[in-house]
Amino acid sequence: MKSSEMRSMTVDELTGHTRELRQEIFNLRFRKSAGQVDNPVRIRLARHELARALTVLREKELGLTGETGGK
């Protein structure tokens, strides 16, 4: 999911999305340790998406627009 799509979500939706991503990362790491993961790159992608979601959530908490401008 793109950051722009996340910015259109509400705080409750973002919180739920981060909860789902954390659960997915846990499950992927558990399956990786058992040697049953199909796509190990998905762990990295899920972590990046979680970071994106947490960033947007923090922007909303601080009341920032989320769009950074140049100089």
C-alpha atoms as a PDB file:
ATOM      1  CA  MET A   1       0.000   0.000   0.000  1.00  0.00           C
ATOM      2  CA  LYS A   2       1.309   3.431  -0.905  1.00  0.00           C
ATOM      3  CA  SER A   3       1.790   6.225   1.598  1.00  0.00           C
ATOM      4  CA  SER A   4      -0.783   8.356  -0.198  1.00  0.00           C
ATOM      5  CA  GLU A   5      -3.367   5.601   0.270  1.00  0.00           C
ATOM      6  CA  MET A   6      -2.484   5.368   3.954  1.00  0.00           C
ATOM      7  CA  ARG A   7      -2.855   9.117   4.395  1.00  0.00           C
ATOM      8  CA  SER A   8      -6.474   8.854   3.283  1.00  0.00           C
ATOM      9  CA  MET A   9      -7.198   6.312   6.040  1.00  0.00           C
ATOM     10  CA  THR A  10      -8.502   7.246   9.480  1.00  0.00           C
ATOM     11  CA  VAL A  11      -6.446   6.799  12.640  1.00  0.00           C
ATOM     12  CA  ASP A  12      -8.516   3.750  13.624  1.00  0.00           C
ATOM     13  CA  GLU A  13      -7.995   2.154  10.220  1.00  0.00           C
ATOM     14  CA  LEU A  14      -4.251   2.810  10.400  1.00  0.00           C
ATOM     15  CA  THR A  15      -4.076   1.329  13.882  1.00  0.00           C
ATOM     16  CA  GLY A  16      -5.852  -1.785  12.662  1.00  0.00           C
ATOM     17  CA  HIS A  17      -3.577  -1.993   9.641  1.00  0.00           C
ATOM     18  CA  THR A  18      -0.453  -1.800  11.809  1.00  0.00           C
ATOM     19  CA  ARG A  19      -1.865  -4.523  14.055  1.00  0.00           C
ATOM     20  CA  GLU A  20      -2.422  -6.760  11.017  1.00  0.00           C
ATOM     21  CA  LEU A  21       1.077  -6.074   9.713  1.00  0.00           C
ATOM     22  CA  ARG A  22       2.659  -6.891  13.073  1.00  0.00           C
ATOM     23  CA  GLN A  23       0.742 -10.177  13.147  1.00  0.00           C
ATOM     24  CA  GLU A  24       1.801 -10.955   9.580  1.00  0.00           C
ATOM     25  CA  ILE A  25       5.466 -10.261  10.391  1.00  0.00           C
ATOM     26  CA  PHE A  26       5.231 -12.498  13.453  1.00  0.00           C
ATOM     27  CA  ASN A  27       3.701 -15.316  11.414  1.00  0.00           C
ATOM     28  CA  LEU A  28       6.263 -14.944   8.628  1.00  0.00           C
ATOM     29  CA  ARG A  29       9.172 -14.992  11.077  1.00  0.00           C
ATOM     30  CA  PHE A  30       7.717 -18.037  12.815  1.00  0.00           C
ATOM     31  CA  ARG A  31       7.287 -19.857   9.509  1.00  0.00           C
ATOM     32  CA  LYS A  32      10.796 -18.828   8.447  1.00  0.00           C
ATOM     33  CA  SER A  33      12.289 -20.421  11.550  1.00  0.00           C
ATOM     34  CA  ALA A  34      10.396 -23.612  10.709  1.00  0.00           C
ATOM     35  CA  GLY A  35      11.661 -23.445   7.123  1.00  0.00           C
ATOM     36  CA  GLN A  36       8.183 -23.113   5.636  1.00  0.00           C
ATOM     37  CA  VAL A  37       8.222 -19.602   4.216  1.00  0.00           C
ATOM     38  CA  ASP A  38       7.468 -19.398   0.497  1.00  0.00           C
ATOM     39  CA  ASN A  39       8.748 -15.891  -0.145  1.00  0.00           C
ATOM     40  CA  PRO A  40      11.314 -14.641   2.390  1.00  0.00           C
ATOM     41  CA  VAL A  41      11.343 -11.201   0.750  1.00  0.00           C
ATOM     42  CA  ARG A  42       7.772 -10.712   2.006  1.00  0.00           C
ATOM     43  CA  ILE A  43       9.162 -10.265   5.542  1.00  0.00           C
ATOM     44  CA  ARG A  44      11.188  -7.249   4.436  1.00  0.00           C
ATOM     45  CA  LEU A  45       8.290  -5.803   2.458  1.00  0.00           C
ATOM     46  CA  ALA A  46       5.942  -6.179   5.424  1.00  0.00           C
ATOM     47  CA  ARG A  47       8.457  -4.428   7.698  1.00  0.00           C
ATOM     48  CA  HIS A  48       8.753  -1.545   5.235  1.00  0.00           C
ATOM     49  CA  GLU A  49       4.979  -1.247   4.978  1.00  0.00           C
ATOM     50  CA  LEU A  50       4.712  -1.263   8.783  1.00  0.00           C
ATOM     51  CA  ALA A  51       7.261   1.551   9.001  1.00  0.00           C
ATOM     52  CA  ARG A  52       5.313   3.506   6.397  1.00  0.00           C
ATOM     53  CA  ALA A  53       2.059   3.031   8.309  1.00  0.00           C
ATOM     54  CA  LEU A  54       3.632   4.040  11.615  1.00  0.00           C
ATOM     55  CA  THR A  55       5.098   7.158  10.005  1.00  0.00           C
ATOM     56  CA  VAL A  56       1.731   8.221   8.601  1.00  0.00           C
ATOM     57  CA  LEU A  57       0.066   7.473  11.941  1.00  0.00           C
ATOM     58  CA  ARG A  58       2.612   9.660  13.734  1.00  0.00           C
ATOM     59  CA  GLU A  59       2.096  12.445  11.185  1.00  0.00           C
ATOM     60  CA  LYS A  60      -1.622  12.347  11.926  1.00  0.00           C
ATOM     61  CA  GLU A  61      -0.975  12.467  15.684  1.00  0.00           C
ATOM     62  CA  LEU A  62       1.233  15.528  15.272  1.00  0.00           C
ATOM     63  CA  GLY A  63      -1.182  17.193  12.873  1.00  0.00           C
ATOM     64  CA  LEU A  64       1.299  17.347  10.030  1.00  0.00           C
ATOM     65  CA  THR A  65       0.166  17.360   6.423  1.00  0.00           C
ATOM     66  CA  GLY A  66       2.464  14.480   5.532  1.00  0.00           C
ATOM     67  CA  GLU A  67       3.711  16.129   2.381  1.00  0.00           C
ATOM     68  CA  THR A  68       7.290  17.313   2.613  1.00  0.00           C
ATOM     69  CA  GLY A  69       8.392  20.156   0.426  1.00  0.00           C
ATOM     70  CA  GLY A  70      11.816  20.922  -0.872  1.00  0.00           C
ATOM     71  CA  LYS A  71      13.849  24.002  -0.100  1.00  0.00           C
END
